[in-house]
N, C-alpha and C. Protein backbone atom coordinates (compact mmCIF):
# COMPACT_ATOMS: atom_id res chain seq x y z
N MET A 1 36.75 44.08 -3.41
CA MET A 1 35.57 44.47 -2.65
C MET A 1 34.26 44.07 -3.22
N THR A 2 34.17 44.05 -4.56
CA THR A 2 33.00 43.62 -5.22
C THR A 2 32.80 42.10 -4.95
N PHE A 3 33.84 41.35 -5.01
CA PHE A 3 33.72 39.91 -4.69
C PHE A 3 33.24 39.65 -3.29
N LEU A 4 33.77 40.41 -2.40
CA LEU A 4 33.30 40.26 -0.94
C LEU A 4 31.83 40.58 -0.80
N PHE A 5 31.39 41.70 -1.48
CA PHE A 5 29.96 42.03 -1.45
C PHE A 5 29.10 40.95 -2.00
N PHE A 6 29.50 40.34 -3.19
CA PHE A 6 28.64 39.29 -3.79
C PHE A 6 28.68 37.99 -2.90
N LEU A 7 29.82 37.79 -2.31
CA LEU A 7 29.87 36.60 -1.39
C LEU A 7 28.93 36.73 -0.24
N LEU A 8 28.98 37.87 0.45
CA LEU A 8 28.12 38.14 1.60
C LEU A 8 26.65 38.25 1.17
N PHE A 9 26.45 38.78 -0.02
CA PHE A 9 25.03 38.90 -0.59
C PHE A 9 24.45 37.54 -0.76
N LEU A 10 25.22 36.64 -1.37
CA LEU A 10 24.73 35.25 -1.54
C LEU A 10 24.54 34.54 -0.28
N MET A 11 25.40 34.77 0.72
CA MET A 11 25.26 34.14 2.05
C MET A 11 23.97 34.51 2.71
N VAL A 12 23.69 35.81 2.69
CA VAL A 12 22.50 36.33 3.41
C VAL A 12 21.21 35.90 2.68
N PHE A 13 21.19 36.08 1.39
CA PHE A 13 19.98 35.75 0.62
C PHE A 13 19.81 34.27 0.43
N GLY A 14 20.92 33.52 0.45
CA GLY A 14 20.86 32.08 0.37
C GLY A 14 20.20 31.55 1.61
N LYS A 15 20.51 32.09 2.82
CA LYS A 15 19.79 31.64 4.05
C LYS A 15 18.35 32.01 3.98
N MET A 16 18.05 33.19 3.45
CA MET A 16 16.63 33.65 3.37
C MET A 16 15.84 32.67 2.40
N ILE A 17 16.45 32.31 1.32
CA ILE A 17 15.80 31.41 0.37
C ILE A 17 15.58 29.98 1.09
N GLY A 18 16.58 29.55 1.75
CA GLY A 18 16.39 28.34 2.54
C GLY A 18 15.27 28.34 3.56
N PHE A 19 15.22 29.45 4.21
CA PHE A 19 14.09 29.61 5.16
C PHE A 19 12.73 29.65 4.49
N ALA A 20 12.69 30.30 3.29
CA ALA A 20 11.45 30.36 2.52
C ALA A 20 11.01 28.98 2.07
N PHE A 21 11.94 28.12 1.64
CA PHE A 21 11.63 26.75 1.26
C PHE A 21 11.14 25.95 2.45
N ARG A 22 11.75 26.09 3.63
CA ARG A 22 11.26 25.36 4.77
C ARG A 22 9.88 25.86 5.21
N ALA A 23 9.64 27.17 5.17
CA ALA A 23 8.34 27.64 5.50
C ALA A 23 7.28 27.24 4.54
N THR A 24 7.59 27.20 3.24
CA THR A 24 6.65 26.74 2.22
C THR A 24 6.35 25.31 2.42
N TRP A 25 7.32 24.46 2.73
CA TRP A 25 7.11 23.02 2.97
C TRP A 25 6.20 22.84 4.17
N GLY A 26 6.45 23.56 5.25
CA GLY A 26 5.58 23.42 6.39
C GLY A 26 4.15 23.83 6.12
N LEU A 27 3.94 24.87 5.32
CA LEU A 27 2.63 25.31 4.98
C LEU A 27 1.88 24.32 4.10
N PHE A 28 2.65 23.71 3.22
CA PHE A 28 2.13 22.67 2.30
C PHE A 28 1.64 21.47 3.10
N LYS A 29 2.49 21.03 4.11
CA LYS A 29 2.12 19.87 4.93
C LYS A 29 0.80 20.17 5.70
N VAL A 30 0.74 21.36 6.26
CA VAL A 30 -0.49 21.69 7.02
C VAL A 30 -1.69 21.72 6.11
N LEU A 31 -1.56 22.33 4.97
CA LEU A 31 -2.71 22.31 4.03
C LEU A 31 -3.13 20.91 3.57
N MET A 32 -2.10 20.03 3.33
CA MET A 32 -2.48 18.74 2.91
C MET A 32 -3.20 17.94 3.95
N TYR A 33 -2.67 18.01 5.20
CA TYR A 33 -3.30 17.19 6.28
C TYR A 33 -4.61 17.76 6.83
N ILE A 34 -4.77 19.06 6.87
CA ILE A 34 -5.96 19.65 7.49
C ILE A 34 -7.00 19.95 6.53
N VAL A 35 -6.67 20.29 5.21
CA VAL A 35 -7.64 20.66 4.23
C VAL A 35 -7.87 19.56 3.19
N PHE A 36 -6.93 19.22 2.50
CA PHE A 36 -7.04 18.38 1.29
C PHE A 36 -7.32 16.88 1.56
N LEU A 37 -6.62 16.28 2.58
CA LEU A 37 -6.82 14.91 2.86
C LEU A 37 -8.26 14.65 3.26
N PRO A 38 -8.89 15.42 4.22
CA PRO A 38 -10.28 15.14 4.51
C PRO A 38 -11.19 15.36 3.34
N LEU A 39 -10.89 16.38 2.45
CA LEU A 39 -11.76 16.56 1.30
C LEU A 39 -11.66 15.40 0.34
N ILE A 40 -10.50 14.92 0.17
CA ILE A 40 -10.30 13.78 -0.73
C ILE A 40 -11.00 12.53 -0.21
N LEU A 41 -10.92 12.31 1.10
CA LEU A 41 -11.55 11.15 1.77
C LEU A 41 -13.09 11.28 1.65
N VAL A 42 -13.63 12.45 1.88
CA VAL A 42 -15.06 12.66 1.77
C VAL A 42 -15.53 12.48 0.40
N GLY A 43 -14.79 12.96 -0.53
CA GLY A 43 -15.08 12.77 -1.98
C GLY A 43 -15.06 11.40 -2.38
N MET A 44 -14.17 10.64 -1.82
CA MET A 44 -14.11 9.13 -2.16
C MET A 44 -15.28 8.42 -1.59
N VAL A 45 -15.76 8.84 -0.34
CA VAL A 45 -16.94 8.21 0.20
C VAL A 45 -18.18 8.52 -0.61
N PHE A 46 -18.31 9.75 -0.98
CA PHE A 46 -19.49 10.10 -1.81
C PHE A 46 -19.42 9.51 -3.20
N GLY A 47 -18.25 9.25 -3.65
CA GLY A 47 -18.07 8.58 -4.98
C GLY A 47 -18.21 7.09 -4.93
N GLY A 48 -18.50 6.54 -3.81
CA GLY A 48 -18.66 5.11 -3.69
C GLY A 48 -17.44 4.33 -3.50
N LEU A 49 -16.35 4.97 -3.12
CA LEU A 49 -15.02 4.38 -2.94
C LEU A 49 -14.71 4.19 -1.41
N LEU A 50 -15.71 3.81 -0.61
CA LEU A 50 -15.48 3.67 0.82
C LEU A 50 -14.47 2.55 1.12
N TYR A 51 -14.44 1.55 0.23
CA TYR A 51 -13.45 0.49 0.41
C TYR A 51 -11.97 0.98 0.25
N LEU A 52 -11.81 2.10 -0.41
CA LEU A 52 -10.45 2.67 -0.51
C LEU A 52 -10.21 3.73 0.57
N ALA A 53 -11.27 4.53 0.83
CA ALA A 53 -11.15 5.63 1.77
C ALA A 53 -10.87 5.15 3.20
N PHE A 54 -11.57 4.12 3.66
CA PHE A 54 -11.39 3.61 5.01
C PHE A 54 -9.98 3.08 5.30
N PRO A 55 -9.38 2.27 4.43
CA PRO A 55 -7.98 1.87 4.69
C PRO A 55 -6.99 3.01 4.66
N ILE A 56 -7.22 3.98 3.79
CA ILE A 56 -6.35 5.19 3.76
C ILE A 56 -6.46 5.93 5.11
N LEU A 57 -7.69 6.07 5.59
CA LEU A 57 -7.94 6.71 6.83
C LEU A 57 -7.20 6.01 8.03
N LEU A 58 -7.30 4.69 7.98
CA LEU A 58 -6.62 3.89 9.02
C LEU A 58 -5.16 4.04 8.93
N ILE A 59 -4.59 3.93 7.76
CA ILE A 59 -3.12 4.11 7.64
C ILE A 59 -2.63 5.42 8.11
N VAL A 60 -3.29 6.51 7.66
CA VAL A 60 -2.90 7.84 8.04
C VAL A 60 -2.99 8.01 9.51
N GLY A 61 -4.03 7.47 10.16
CA GLY A 61 -4.24 7.57 11.59
C GLY A 61 -3.13 6.84 12.35
N ILE A 62 -2.78 5.66 11.90
CA ILE A 62 -1.78 4.88 12.58
C ILE A 62 -0.38 5.59 12.45
N VAL A 63 -0.09 6.06 11.23
CA VAL A 63 1.17 6.77 11.00
C VAL A 63 1.23 8.04 11.84
N SER A 64 0.15 8.82 11.99
CA SER A 64 0.18 10.00 12.79
C SER A 64 0.32 9.69 14.25
N LEU A 65 -0.19 8.58 14.71
CA LEU A 65 0.00 8.16 16.12
C LEU A 65 1.43 7.74 16.37
N VAL A 66 2.04 7.02 15.45
CA VAL A 66 3.38 6.50 15.62
C VAL A 66 4.40 7.69 15.49
N ALA A 67 4.15 8.62 14.59
CA ALA A 67 5.09 9.67 14.25
C ALA A 67 4.97 10.82 15.21
N ALA A 68 3.93 10.83 16.11
CA ALA A 68 3.69 12.01 16.98
C ALA A 68 4.91 12.09 17.93
N ASP A 69 5.35 13.37 18.09
CA ASP A 69 6.54 13.69 18.96
C ASP A 69 6.12 13.96 20.35
């Protein structure tokens, strides 16, 4: 009976941990694309690295257009 309890316990909480990792990964992607990427690009422009910021912006734009579902 104890073995069955632990088996079901791991199944239930294993699925919850998997869901937590998927939700965390989704939140991380949103934060990176909406918050941090523009801040990094603006910082690069103010730092005089426009020659690096502009190609990064173009690559991210093209990838987002191609990968859009």
